[in-house]
PDB file of N, CA and C in Angstrom:
ATOM      1  N   MET A   1     -14.777  -9.060  -1.163  1.00  0.00           N
ATOM      2  CA  MET A   1     -13.459  -8.687  -1.615  1.00  0.00           C
ATOM      3  C   MET A   1     -13.465  -7.191  -1.928  1.00  0.00           C
ATOM      4  N   LYS A   2     -12.394  -6.517  -1.519  1.00  0.00           N
ATOM      5  CA  LYS A   2     -12.264  -5.078  -1.710  1.00  0.00           C
ATOM      6  C   LYS A   2     -11.070  -4.818  -2.632  1.00  0.00           C
ATOM      7  N   ILE A   3     -11.307  -4.136  -3.753  1.00  0.00           N
ATOM      8  CA  ILE A   3     -10.254  -3.802  -4.700  1.00  0.00           C
ATOM      9  C   ILE A   3     -10.133  -2.288  -4.723  1.00  0.00           C
ATOM     10  N   GLU A   4      -8.919  -1.782  -4.454  1.00  0.00           N
ATOM     11  CA  GLU A   4      -8.724  -0.342  -4.356  1.00  0.00           C
ATOM     12  C   GLU A   4      -7.449   0.099  -5.059  1.00  0.00           C
ATOM     13  N   CYS A   5      -7.483   1.337  -5.527  1.00  0.00           N
ATOM     14  CA  CYS A   5      -6.286   2.014  -6.007  1.00  0.00           C
ATOM     15  C   CYS A   5      -6.423   3.464  -5.542  1.00  0.00           C
ATOM     16  N   THR A   6      -5.504   3.903  -4.706  1.00  0.00           N
ATOM     17  CA  THR A   6      -5.587   5.220  -4.089  1.00  0.00           C
ATOM     18  C   THR A   6      -4.285   5.976  -4.292  1.00  0.00           C
ATOM     19  N   ARG A   7      -4.419   7.269  -4.585  1.00  0.00           N
ATOM     20  CA  ARG A   7      -3.250   8.124  -4.779  1.00  0.00           C
ATOM     21  C   ARG A   7      -3.021   8.973  -3.535  1.00  0.00           C
ATOM     22  N   PHE A   8      -1.771   8.956  -3.056  1.00  0.00           N
ATOM     23  CA  PHE A   8      -1.345   9.759  -1.918  1.00  0.00           C
ATOM     24  C   PHE A   8      -0.209  10.676  -2.363  1.00  0.00           C
ATOM     25  N   LYS A   9      -0.186  11.871  -1.842  1.00  0.00           N
ATOM     26  CA  LYS A   9       0.873  12.818  -2.195  1.00  0.00           C
ATOM     27  C   LYS A   9       2.021  12.685  -1.206  1.00  0.00           C
ATOM     28  N   VAL A  10       3.226  12.752  -1.745  1.00  0.00           N
ATOM     29  CA  VAL A  10       4.439  12.719  -0.932  1.00  0.00           C
ATOM     30  C   VAL A  10       4.762  14.147  -0.500  1.00  0.00           C
ATOM     31  N   LYS A  11       5.174  14.313   0.736  1.00  0.00           N
ATOM     32  CA  LYS A  11       5.591  15.627   1.225  1.00  0.00           C
ATOM     33  C   LYS A  11       6.785  16.130   0.404  1.00  0.00           C
ATOM     34  N   GLU A  12       6.807  17.424   0.180  1.00  0.00           N
ATOM     35  CA  GLU A  12       7.936  18.014  -0.534  1.00  0.00           C
ATOM     36  C   GLU A  12       9.230  17.718   0.207  1.00  0.00           C
ATOM     37  N   GLY A  13      10.271  17.402  -0.546  1.00  0.00           N
ATOM     38  CA  GLY A  13      11.585  17.150   0.039  1.00  0.00           C
ATOM     39  C   GLY A  13      11.759  15.759   0.623  1.00  0.00           C
ATOM     40  N   LYS A  14      10.801  14.860   0.408  1.00  0.00           N
ATOM     41  CA  LYS A  14      10.872  13.519   1.007  1.00  0.00           C
ATOM     42  C   LYS A  14      11.149  12.420  -0.018  1.00  0.00           C
ATOM     43  N   SER A  15      11.580  12.784  -1.217  1.00  0.00           N
ATOM     44  CA  SER A  15      11.850  11.778  -2.256  1.00  0.00           C
ATOM     45  C   SER A  15      12.917  10.777  -1.833  1.00  0.00           C
ATOM     46  N   THR A  16      13.950  11.254  -1.180  1.00  0.00           N
ATOM     47  CA  THR A  16      15.022  10.353  -0.732  1.00  0.00           C
ATOM     48  C   THR A  16      14.483   9.361   0.295  1.00  0.00           C
ATOM     49  N   GLN A  17      13.652   9.838   1.204  1.00  0.00           N
ATOM     50  CA  GLN A  17      13.060   8.947   2.211  1.00  0.00           C
ATOM     51  C   GLN A  17      12.100   7.951   1.569  1.00  0.00           C
ATOM     52  N   VAL A  18      11.382   8.370   0.529  1.00  0.00           N
ATOM     53  CA  VAL A  18      10.487   7.449  -0.177  1.00  0.00           C
ATOM     54  C   VAL A  18      11.309   6.345  -0.834  1.00  0.00           C
ATOM     55  N   GLU A  19      12.406   6.723  -1.458  1.00  0.00           N
ATOM     56  CA  GLU A  19      13.293   5.729  -2.077  1.00  0.00           C
ATOM     57  C   GLU A  19      13.789   4.729  -1.029  1.00  0.00           C
ATOM     58  N   GLU A  20      14.193   5.253   0.116  1.00  0.00           N
ATOM     59  CA  GLU A  20      14.648   4.406   1.230  1.00  0.00           C
ATOM     60  C   GLU A  20      13.522   3.485   1.702  1.00  0.00           C
ATOM     61  N   TRP A  21      12.310   4.013   1.805  1.00  0.00           N
ATOM     62  CA  TRP A  21      11.132   3.257   2.237  1.00  0.00           C
ATOM     63  C   TRP A  21      10.842   2.099   1.285  1.00  0.00           C
ATOM     64  N   MET A  22      10.826   2.381  -0.005  1.00  0.00           N
ATOM     65  CA  MET A  22      10.535   1.338  -0.985  1.00  0.00           C
ATOM     66  C   MET A  22      11.634   0.272  -0.992  1.00  0.00           C
ATOM     67  N   GLU A  23      12.870   0.695  -0.840  1.00  0.00           N
ATOM     68  CA  GLU A  23      13.989  -0.247  -0.763  1.00  0.00           C
ATOM     69  C   GLU A  23      13.873  -1.103   0.499  1.00  0.00           C
ATOM     70  N   PHE A  24      13.505  -0.479   1.606  1.00  0.00           N
ATOM     71  CA  PHE A  24      13.281  -1.179   2.874  1.00  0.00           C
ATOM     72  C   PHE A  24      12.242  -2.291   2.700  1.00  0.00           C
ATOM     73  N   LEU A  25      11.113  -1.963   2.069  1.00  0.00           N
ATOM     74  CA  LEU A  25      10.065  -2.964   1.863  1.00  0.00           C
ATOM     75  C   LEU A  25      10.549  -4.085   0.944  1.00  0.00           C
ATOM     76  N   ASN A  26      11.235  -3.724  -0.129  1.00  0.00           N
ATOM     77  CA  ASN A  26      11.738  -4.738  -1.062  1.00  0.00           C
ATOM     78  C   ASN A  26      12.777  -5.649  -0.414  1.00  0.00           C
ATOM     79  N   GLN A  27      13.646  -5.091   0.382  1.00  0.00           N
ATOM     80  CA  GLN A  27      14.692  -5.900   1.022  1.00  0.00           C
ATOM     81  C   GLN A  27      14.151  -6.812   2.112  1.00  0.00           C
ATOM     82  N   ARG A  28      13.024  -6.456   2.705  1.00  0.00           N
ATOM     83  CA  ARG A  28      12.458  -7.258   3.795  1.00  0.00           C
ATOM     84  C   ARG A  28      11.128  -7.892   3.377  1.00  0.00           C
ATOM     85  N   MET A  29      11.033  -8.218   2.095  1.00  0.00           N
ATOM     86  CA  MET A  29       9.774  -8.734   1.543  1.00  0.00           C
ATOM     87  C   MET A  29       9.299  -9.995   2.258  1.00  0.00           C
ATOM     88  N   ASP A  30      10.213 -10.855   2.707  1.00  0.00           N
ATOM     89  CA  ASP A  30       9.787 -12.059   3.425  1.00  0.00           C
ATOM     90  C   ASP A  30       8.993 -11.696   4.674  1.00  0.00           C
ATOM     91  N   GLN A  31       9.414 -10.666   5.384  1.00  0.00           N
ATOM     92  CA  GLN A  31       8.693 -10.216   6.582  1.00  0.00           C
ATOM     93  C   GLN A  31       7.386  -9.511   6.206  1.00  0.00           C
ATOM     94  N   VAL A  32       7.432  -8.718   5.142  1.00  0.00           N
ATOM     95  CA  VAL A  32       6.232  -8.017   4.674  1.00  0.00           C
ATOM     96  C   VAL A  32       5.139  -9.022   4.330  1.00  0.00           C
ATOM     97  N   LEU A  33       5.490 -10.052   3.579  1.00  0.00           N
ATOM     98  CA  LEU A  33       4.502 -11.036   3.147  1.00  0.00           C
ATOM     99  C   LEU A  33       3.860 -11.770   4.319  1.00  0.00           C
ATOM    100  N   LEU A  34       4.597 -11.958   5.407  1.00  0.00           N
ATOM    101  CA  LEU A  34       4.031 -12.616   6.588  1.00  0.00           C
ATOM    102  C   LEU A  34       2.904 -11.802   7.218  1.00  0.00           C
ATOM    103  N   THR A  35       2.971 -10.489   7.092  1.00  0.00           N
ATOM    104  CA  THR A  35       1.952  -9.638   7.715  1.00  0.00           C
ATOM    105  C   THR A  35       0.654  -9.602   6.921  1.00  0.00           C
ATOM    106  N   LEU A  36       0.725  -9.937   5.648  1.00  0.00           N
ATOM    107  CA  LEU A  36      -0.454  -9.815   4.788  1.00  0.00           C
ATOM    108  C   LEU A  36      -1.574 -10.786   5.155  1.00  0.00           C
ATOM    109  N   LYS A  37      -1.220 -11.932   5.698  1.00  0.00           N
ATOM    110  CA  LYS A  37      -2.229 -12.936   6.032  1.00  0.00           C
ATOM    111  C   LYS A  37      -3.261 -12.383   7.021  1.00  0.00           C
ATOM    112  N   GLY A  38      -2.792 -11.754   8.091  1.00  0.00           N
ATOM    113  CA  GLY A  38      -3.704 -11.199   9.092  1.00  0.00           C
ATOM    114  C   GLY A  38      -4.570 -10.071   8.551  1.00  0.00           C
ATOM    115  N   GLU A  39      -4.051  -9.378   7.556  1.00  0.00           N
ATOM    116  CA  GLU A  39      -4.796  -8.286   6.929  1.00  0.00           C
ATOM    117  C   GLU A  39      -5.766  -8.800   5.861  1.00  0.00           C
ATOM    118  N   LYS A  40      -5.655 -10.101   5.556  1.00  0.00           N
ATOM    119  CA  LYS A  40      -6.398 -10.705   4.442  1.00  0.00           C
ATOM    120  C   LYS A  40      -6.112  -9.951   3.148  1.00  0.00           C
ATOM    121  N   MET A  41      -4.856  -9.539   3.017  1.00  0.00           N
ATOM    122  CA  MET A  41      -4.401  -8.792   1.854  1.00  0.00           C
ATOM    123  C   MET A  41      -3.828  -9.784   0.850  1.00  0.00           C
ATOM    124  N   TYR A  42      -4.489  -9.905  -0.296  1.00  0.00           N
ATOM    125  CA  TYR A  42      -4.050 -10.856  -1.308  1.00  0.00           C
ATOM    126  C   TYR A  42      -3.018 -10.248  -2.234  1.00  0.00           C
ATOM    127  N   ILE A  43      -3.205  -8.986  -2.558  1.00  0.00           N
ATOM    128  CA  ILE A  43      -2.273  -8.280  -3.439  1.00  0.00           C
ATOM    129  C   ILE A  43      -2.141  -6.858  -2.924  1.00  0.00           C
ATOM    130  N   GLU A  44      -0.918  -6.391  -2.817  1.00  0.00           N
ATOM    131  CA  GLU A  44      -0.668  -4.990  -2.477  1.00  0.00           C
ATOM    132  C   GLU A  44       0.532  -4.536  -3.298  1.00  0.00           C
ATOM    133  N   THR A  45       0.330  -3.498  -4.078  1.00  0.00           N
ATOM    134  CA  THR A  45       1.363  -2.996  -4.970  1.00  0.00           C
ATOM    135  C   THR A  45       1.435  -1.489  -4.816  1.00  0.00           C
ATOM    136  N   ILE A  46       2.650  -0.953  -4.797  1.00  0.00           N
ATOM    137  CA  ILE A  46       2.849   0.491  -4.676  1.00  0.00           C
ATOM    138  C   ILE A  46       3.491   0.991  -5.966  1.00  0.00           C
ATOM    139  N   PHE A  47       2.876   2.020  -6.549  1.00  0.00           N
ATOM    140  CA  PHE A  47       3.414   2.679  -7.737  1.00  0.00           C
ATOM    141  C   PHE A  47       3.853   4.085  -7.344  1.00  0.00           C
ATOM    142  N   ARG A  48       4.840   4.599  -8.064  1.00  0.00           N
ATOM    143  CA  ARG A  48       5.372   5.930  -7.780  1.00  0.00           C
ATOM    144  C   ARG A  48       5.299   6.775  -9.048  1.00  0.00           C
ATOM    145  N   GLU A  49       4.906   8.048  -8.889  1.00  0.00           N
ATOM    146  CA  GLU A  49       4.777   8.939 -10.039  1.00  0.00           C
ATOM    147  C   GLU A  49       5.227  10.341  -9.652  1.00  0.00           C
ATOM    148  N   VAL A  50       5.897  11.020 -10.576  1.00  0.00           N
ATOM    149  CA  VAL A  50       6.199  12.437 -10.429  1.00  0.00           C
ATOM    150  C   VAL A  50       5.461  13.151 -11.552  1.00  0.00           C
ATOM    151  N   GLN A  51       4.680  14.173 -11.170  1.00  0.00           N
ATOM    152  CA  GLN A  51       3.856  14.891 -12.130  1.00  0.00           C
ATOM    153  C   GLN A  51       3.885  16.375 -11.765  1.00  0.00           C
ATOM    154  N   ASN A  52       4.318  17.210 -12.695  1.00  0.00           N
ATOM    155  CA  ASN A  52       4.402  18.655 -12.433  1.00  0.00           C
ATOM    156  C   ASN A  52       5.154  18.954 -11.136  1.00  0.00           C
ATOM    157  N   GLU A  53       6.258  18.288 -10.952  1.00  0.00           N
ATOM    158  CA  GLU A  53       7.154  18.459  -9.804  1.00  0.00           C
ATOM    159  C   GLU A  53       6.556  17.998  -8.476  1.00  0.00           C
ATOM    160  N   ALA A  54       5.399  17.363  -8.504  1.00  0.00           N
ATOM    161  CA  ALA A  54       4.814  16.779  -7.297  1.00  0.00           C
ATOM    162  C   ALA A  54       4.954  15.262  -7.397  1.00  0.00           C
ATOM    163  N   GLU A  55       5.182  14.647  -6.251  1.00  0.00           N
ATOM    164  CA  GLU A  55       5.390  13.194  -6.222  1.00  0.00           C
ATOM    165  C   GLU A  55       4.206  12.518  -5.551  1.00  0.00           C
ATOM    166  N   TYR A  56       3.815  11.373  -6.121  1.00  0.00           N
ATOM    167  CA  TYR A  56       2.663  10.621  -5.611  1.00  0.00           C
ATOM    168  C   TYR A  56       3.013   9.144  -5.493  1.00  0.00           C
ATOM    169  N   LEU A  57       2.369   8.501  -4.542  1.00  0.00           N
ATOM    170  CA  LEU A  57       2.417   7.052  -4.425  1.00  0.00           C
ATOM    171  C   LEU A  57       0.991   6.546  -4.594  1.00  0.00           C
ATOM    172  N   TYR A  58       0.852   5.478  -5.372  1.00  0.00           N
ATOM    173  CA  TYR A  58      -0.438   4.836  -5.595  1.00  0.00           C
ATOM    174  C   TYR A  58      -0.407   3.466  -4.942  1.00  0.00           C
ATOM    175  N   TRP A  59      -1.404   3.184  -4.130  1.00  0.00           N
ATOM    176  CA  TRP A  59      -1.545   1.862  -3.506  1.00  0.00           C
ATOM    177  C   TRP A  59      -2.654   1.125  -4.229  1.00  0.00           C
ATOM    178  N   TYR A  60      -2.307  -0.022  -4.794  1.00  0.00           N
ATOM    179  CA  TYR A  60      -3.293  -0.895  -5.420  1.00  0.00           C
ATOM    180  C   TYR A  60      -3.377  -2.139  -4.549  1.00  0.00           C
ATOM    181  N   SER A  61      -4.591  -2.528  -4.184  1.00  0.00           N
ATOM    182  CA  SER A  61      -4.717  -3.703  -3.323  1.00  0.00           C
ATOM    183  C   SER A  61      -5.998  -4.471  -3.606  1.00  0.00           C
ATOM    184  N   ILE A  62      -5.893  -5.765  -3.315  1.00  0.00           N
ATOM    185  CA  ILE A  62      -7.054  -6.648  -3.305  1.00  0.00           C
ATOM    186  C   ILE A  62      -7.044  -7.302  -1.928  1.00  0.00           C
ATOM    187  N   GLN A  63      -8.126  -7.073  -1.194  1.00  0.00           N
ATOM    188  CA  GLN A  63      -8.181  -7.503   0.195  1.00  0.00           C
ATOM    189  C   GLN A  63      -9.501  -8.199   0.486  1.00  0.00           C
ATOM    190  N   GLY A  64      -9.425  -9.256   1.283  1.00  0.00           N
ATOM    191  CA  GLY A  64     -10.626  -9.941   1.721  1.00  0.00           C
ATOM    192  C   GLY A  64     -11.292  -9.180   2.849  1.00  0.00           C
ATOM    193  N   GLU A  65     -12.483  -9.589   3.190  1.00  0.00           N
ATOM    194  CA  GLU A  65     -13.242  -8.946   4.265  1.00  0.00           C
ATOM    195  C   GLU A  65     -12.762  -9.431   5.634  1.00  0.00           C
ATOM    196  N   GLY A  66     -12.766  -8.543   6.607  1.00  0.00           N
ATOM    197  CA  GLY A  66     -12.494  -8.912   7.987  1.00  0.00           C
ATOM    198  C   GLY A  66     -11.032  -8.975   8.391  1.00  0.00           C
ATOM    199  N   GLY A  67     -10.139  -8.475   7.578  1.00  0.00           N
ATOM    200  CA  GLY A  67      -8.724  -8.458   7.943  1.00  0.00           C
ATOM    201  C   GLY A  67      -8.431  -7.338   8.928  1.00  0.00           C
ATOM    202  N   ILE A  68      -7.322  -7.463   9.628  1.00  0.00           N
ATOM    203  CA  ILE A  68      -6.933  -6.406  10.569  1.00  0.00           C
ATOM    204  C   ILE A  68      -6.336  -5.234   9.794  1.00  0.00           C
ATOM    205  N   GLU A  69      -6.410  -4.068  10.377  1.00  0.00           N
ATOM    206  CA  GLU A  69      -5.791  -2.878   9.796  1.00  0.00           C
ATOM    207  C   GLU A  69      -4.301  -2.905  10.102  1.00  0.00           C
ATOM    208  N   VAL A  70      -3.507  -2.362   9.197  1.00  0.00           N
ATOM    209  CA  VAL A  70      -2.058  -2.326   9.407  1.00  0.00           C
ATOM    210  C   VAL A  70      -1.732  -1.558  10.692  1.00  0.00           C
ATOM    211  N   THR A  71      -2.549  -0.588  11.037  1.00  0.00           N
ATOM    212  CA  THR A  71      -2.319   0.198  12.257  1.00  0.00           C
ATOM    213  C   THR A  71      -2.529  -0.635  13.521  1.00  0.00           C
ATOM    214  N   ASP A  72      -3.221  -1.770  13.406  1.00  0.00           N
ATOM    215  CA  ASP A  72      -3.448  -2.649  14.554  1.00  0.00           C
ATOM    216  C   ASP A  72      -2.453  -3.802  14.614  1.00  0.00           C
ATOM    217  N   SER A  73      -1.522  -3.831  13.692  1.00  0.00           N
ATOM    218  CA  SER A  73      -0.555  -4.926  13.608  1.00  0.00           C
ATOM    219  C   SER A  73       0.505  -4.815  14.707  1.00  0.00           C
ATOM    220  N   ASN A  74       0.932  -5.966  15.190  1.00  0.00           N
ATOM    221  CA  ASN A  74       2.022  -6.020  16.176  1.00  0.00           C
ATOM    222  C   ASN A  74       3.366  -6.334  15.531  1.00  0.00           C
ATOM    223  N   HIS A  75       3.379  -6.536  14.213  1.00  0.00           N
ATOM    224  CA  HIS A  75       4.620  -6.858  13.517  1.00  0.00           C
ATOM    225  C   HIS A  75       5.536  -5.635  13.470  1.00  0.00           C
ATOM    226  N   GLU A  76       6.794  -5.848  13.788  1.00  0.00           N
ATOM    227  CA  GLU A  76       7.773  -4.757  13.756  1.00  0.00           C
ATOM    228  C   GLU A  76       7.852  -4.118  12.372  1.00  0.00           C
ATOM    229  N   ILE A  77       7.795  -4.931  11.337  1.00  0.00           N
ATOM    230  CA  ILE A  77       7.899  -4.419   9.969  1.00  0.00           C
ATOM    231  C   ILE A  77       6.770  -3.434   9.672  1.00  0.00           C
ATOM    232  N   ASP A  78       5.573  -3.704  10.184  1.00  0.00           N
ATOM    233  CA  ASP A  78       4.442  -2.792   9.978  1.00  0.00           C
ATOM    234  C   ASP A  78       4.636  -1.489  10.748  1.00  0.00           C
ATOM    235  N   GLN A  79       5.198  -1.572  11.936  1.00  0.00           N
ATOM    236  CA  GLN A  79       5.451  -0.353  12.719  1.00  0.00           C
ATOM    237  C   GLN A  79       6.465   0.542  12.009  1.00  0.00           C
ATOM    238  N   LEU A  80       7.497  -0.061  11.438  1.00  0.00           N
ATOM    239  CA  LEU A  80       8.493   0.703  10.680  1.00  0.00           C
ATOM    240  C   LEU A  80       7.881   1.278   9.405  1.00  0.00           C
ATOM    241  N   HIS A  81       7.045   0.508   8.740  1.00  0.00           N
ATOM    242  CA  HIS A  81       6.335   0.953   7.542  1.00  0.00           C
ATOM    243  C   HIS A  81       5.488   2.188   7.868  1.00  0.00           C
ATOM    244  N   LEU A  82       4.791   2.162   8.988  1.00  0.00           N
ATOM    245  CA  LEU A  82       3.957   3.295   9.395  1.00  0.00           C
ATOM    246  C   LEU A  82       4.784   4.523   9.759  1.00  0.00           C
ATOM    247  N   GLN A  83       5.994   4.312  10.280  1.00  0.00           N
ATOM    248  CA  GLN A  83       6.882   5.444  10.564  1.00  0.00           C
ATOM    249  C   GLN A  83       7.266   6.153   9.267  1.00  0.00           C
ATOM    250  N   TYR A  84       7.603   5.361   8.248  1.00  0.00           N
ATOM    251  CA  TYR A  84       7.898   5.950   6.938  1.00  0.00           C
ATOM    252  C   TYR A  84       6.673   6.695   6.414  1.00  0.00           C
ATOM    253  N   TRP A  85       5.499   6.070   6.552  1.00  0.00           N
ATOM    254  CA  TRP A  85       4.251   6.687   6.104  1.00  0.00           C
ATOM    255  C   TRP A  85       4.098   8.074   6.728  1.00  0.00           C
ATOM    256  N   ASP A  86       4.236   8.147   8.049  1.00  0.00           N
ATOM    257  CA  ASP A  86       4.074   9.426   8.750  1.00  0.00           C
ATOM    258  C   ASP A  86       5.103  10.459   8.289  1.00  0.00           C
ATOM    259  N   GLU A  87       6.299  10.000   8.002  1.00  0.00           N
ATOM    260  CA  GLU A  87       7.357  10.911   7.569  1.00  0.00           C
ATOM    261  C   GLU A  87       7.141  11.406   6.135  1.00  0.00           C
ATOM    262  N   CYS A  88       6.598  10.572   5.269  1.00  0.00           N
ATOM    263  CA  CYS A  88       6.598  10.858   3.834  1.00  0.00           C
ATOM    264  C   CYS A  88       5.265  11.284   3.228  1.00  0.00           C
ATOM    265  N   ILE A  89       4.152  10.854   3.787  1.00  0.00           N
ATOM    266  CA  ILE A  89       2.854  11.120   3.160  1.00  0.00           C
ATOM    267  C   ILE A  89       2.280  12.446   3.656  1.00  0.00           C
ATOM    268  N   ASP A  90       1.864  13.278   2.719  1.00  0.00           N
ATOM    269  CA  ASP A  90       1.310  14.599   3.008  1.00  0.00           C
ATOM    270  C   ASP A  90      -0.127  14.455   3.505  1.00  0.00           C
ATOM    271  N   LYS A  91      -0.338  14.710   4.774  1.00  0.00           N
ATOM    272  CA  LYS A  91      -1.672  14.560   5.370  1.00  0.00           C
ATOM    273  C   LYS A  91      -2.607  15.709   5.000  1.00  0.00           C
ATOM    274  N   ASN A  92      -2.060  16.788   4.410  1.00  0.00           N
ATOM    275  CA  ASN A  92      -2.894  17.914   3.979  1.00  0.00           C
ATOM    276  C   ASN A  92      -3.519  17.676   2.606  1.00  0.00           C
ATOM    277  N   TYR A  93      -3.076  16.649   1.920  1.00  0.00           N
ATOM    278  CA  TYR A  93      -3.606  16.289   0.608  1.00  0.00           C
ATOM    279  C   TYR A  93      -4.639  15.182   0.794  1.00  0.00           C
ATOM    280  N   ARG A  94      -5.846  15.415   0.293  1.00  0.00           N
ATOM    281  CA  ARG A  94      -6.888  14.392   0.417  1.00  0.00           C
ATOM    282  C   ARG A  94      -6.591  13.270  -0.572  1.00  0.00           C
ATOM    283  N   PRO A  95      -6.387  12.038  -0.083  1.00  0.00           N
ATOM    284  CA  PRO A  95      -6.113  10.913  -0.983  1.00  0.00           C
ATOM    285  C   PRO A  95      -7.226  10.768  -2.013  1.00  0.00           C
ATOM    286  N   ILE A  96      -6.847  10.341  -3.201  1.00  0.00           N
ATOM    287  CA  ILE A  96      -7.810  10.166  -4.280  1.00  0.00           C
ATOM    288  C   ILE A  96      -7.978   8.673  -4.559  1.00  0.00           C
ATOM    289  N   ASP A  97      -9.214   8.205  -4.391  1.00  0.00           N
ATOM    290  CA  ASP A  97      -9.537   6.820  -4.725  1.00  0.00           C
ATOM    291  C   ASP A  97      -9.938   6.764  -6.183  1.00  0.00           C
ATOM    292  N   LEU A  98      -9.221   5.980  -6.966  1.00  0.00           N
ATOM    293  CA  LEU A  98      -9.576   5.804  -8.360  1.00  0.00           C
ATOM    294  C   LEU A  98     -10.791   4.879  -8.439  1.00  0.00           C
ATOM    295  N   GLU A  99     -11.645   5.126  -9.396  1.00  0.00           N
ATOM    296  CA  GLU A  99     -12.861   4.337  -9.537  1.00  0.00           C
ATOM    297  C   GLU A  99     -12.587   3.100 -10.391  1.00  0.00           C
ATOM    298  N   MET A 100     -12.823   1.939  -9.796  1.00  0.00           N
ATOM    299  CA  MET A 100     -12.637   0.695 -10.532  1.00  0.00           C
ATOM    300  C   MET A 100     -13.809   0.501 -11.487  1.00  0.00           C
ATOM    301  N   LYS A 101     -13.497   0.163 -12.715  1.00  0.00           N
ATOM    302  CA  LYS A 101     -14.524  -0.073 -13.725  1.00  0.00           C
ATOM    303  C   LYS A 101     -14.611  -1.541 -14.111  1.00  0.00           C
ATOM    304  N   VAL A 102     -13.477  -2.235 -14.126  1.00  0.00           N
ATOM    305  CA  VAL A 102     -13.449  -3.634 -14.532  1.00  0.00           C
ATOM    306  C   VAL A 102     -12.416  -4.360 -13.684  1.00  0.00           C
ATOM    307  N   SER A 103     -12.770  -5.528 -13.210  1.00  0.00           N
ATOM    308  CA  SER A 103     -11.828  -6.394 -12.496  1.00  0.00           C
ATOM    309  C   SER A 103     -11.749  -7.716 -13.251  1.00  0.00           C
ATOM    310  N   MET A 104     -10.577  -8.013 -13.736  1.00  0.00           N
ATOM    311  CA  MET A 104     -10.400  -9.229 -14.544  1.00  0.00           C
ATOM    312  C   MET A 104      -9.591 -10.247 -13.744  1.00  0.00           C
ATOM    313  N   ILE A 105     -10.289 -10.954 -12.887  1.00  0.00           N
ATOM    314  CA  ILE A 105      -9.680 -11.990 -12.066  1.00  0.00           C
ATOM    315  C   ILE A 105     -10.379 -13.299 -12.406  1.00  0.00           C
ATOM    316  N   PRO A 106      -9.662 -14.253 -12.947  1.00  0.00           N
ATOM    317  CA  PRO A 106     -10.290 -15.535 -13.277  1.00  0.00           C
ATOM    318  C   PRO A 106     -10.946 -16.177 -12.051  1.00  0.00           C
ATOM    319  N   GLU A 107     -12.031 -16.875 -12.277  1.00  0.00           N
ATOM    320  CA  GLU A 107     -12.804 -17.477 -11.187  1.00  0.00           C
ATOM    321  C   GLU A 107     -11.932 -18.407 -10.321  1.00  0.00           C
ATOM    322  N   LYS A 108     -11.044 -19.142 -10.933  1.00  0.00           N
ATOM    323  CA  LYS A 108     -10.162 -20.055 -10.188  1.00  0.00           C
ATOM    324  C   LYS A 108      -9.355 -19.276  -9.144  1.00  0.00           C
ATOM    325  N   ILE A 109      -8.860 -18.130  -9.495  1.00  0.00           N
ATOM    326  CA  ILE A 109      -8.070 -17.313  -8.572  1.00  0.00           C
ATOM    327  C   ILE A 109      -8.992 -16.657  -7.553  1.00  0.00           C
ATOM    328  N   ARG A 110     -10.157 -16.181  -7.968  1.00  0.00           N
ATOM    329  CA  ARG A 110     -11.128 -15.598  -7.042  1.00  0.00           C
ATOM    330  C   ARG A 110     -11.481 -16.567  -5.909  1.00  0.00           C
ATOM    331  N   ARG A 111     -11.694 -17.833  -6.255  1.00  0.00           N
ATOM    332  CA  ARG A 111     -12.047 -18.825  -5.231  1.00  0.00           C
ATOM    333  C   ARG A 111     -10.940 -18.957  -4.191  1.00  0.00           C
ATOM    334  N   GLU A 112      -9.709 -18.805  -4.600  1.00  0.00           N
ATOM    335  CA  GLU A 112      -8.561 -18.890  -3.676  1.00  0.00           C
ATOM    336  C   GLU A 112      -8.518 -17.692  -2.747  1.00  0.00           C
ATOM    337  N   MET A 113      -9.096 -16.582  -3.174  1.00  0.00           N
ATOM    338  CA  MET A 113      -9.051 -15.341  -2.395  1.00  0.00           C
ATOM    339  C   MET A 113     -10.140 -15.252  -1.339  1.00  0.00           C
ATOM    340  N   VAL A 114     -11.143 -16.080  -1.435  1.00  0.00           N
ATOM    341  CA  VAL A 114     -12.258 -15.972  -0.489  1.00  0.00           C
ATOM    342  C   VAL A 114     -12.036 -16.826   0.728  1.00  0.00           C
TER     343      VAL A 114
END
């Protein structure tokens, strides 16, 4: 099982597109959830932060081993998600992986994730 939290910087001037992107994902959640099975993605959450006039998105996820990458997905929803990604995420900023110190997942739930 892989547990990650990574910070990505949003390109300047793309706040409106980020809002549209998050709304797009929320409105089509039924389709989004269908894609997670192939990725072996158990939990995926996106947080948004503005700090010193810079905007960031944080991806928190819990994923099983051997899932497909979103870039290899044939689902239309994933292709649209990646288009937003390319438009909004600053590729000149090196993403920051936060270091996990404690994972509090009850054993009953862990067994369901494997």
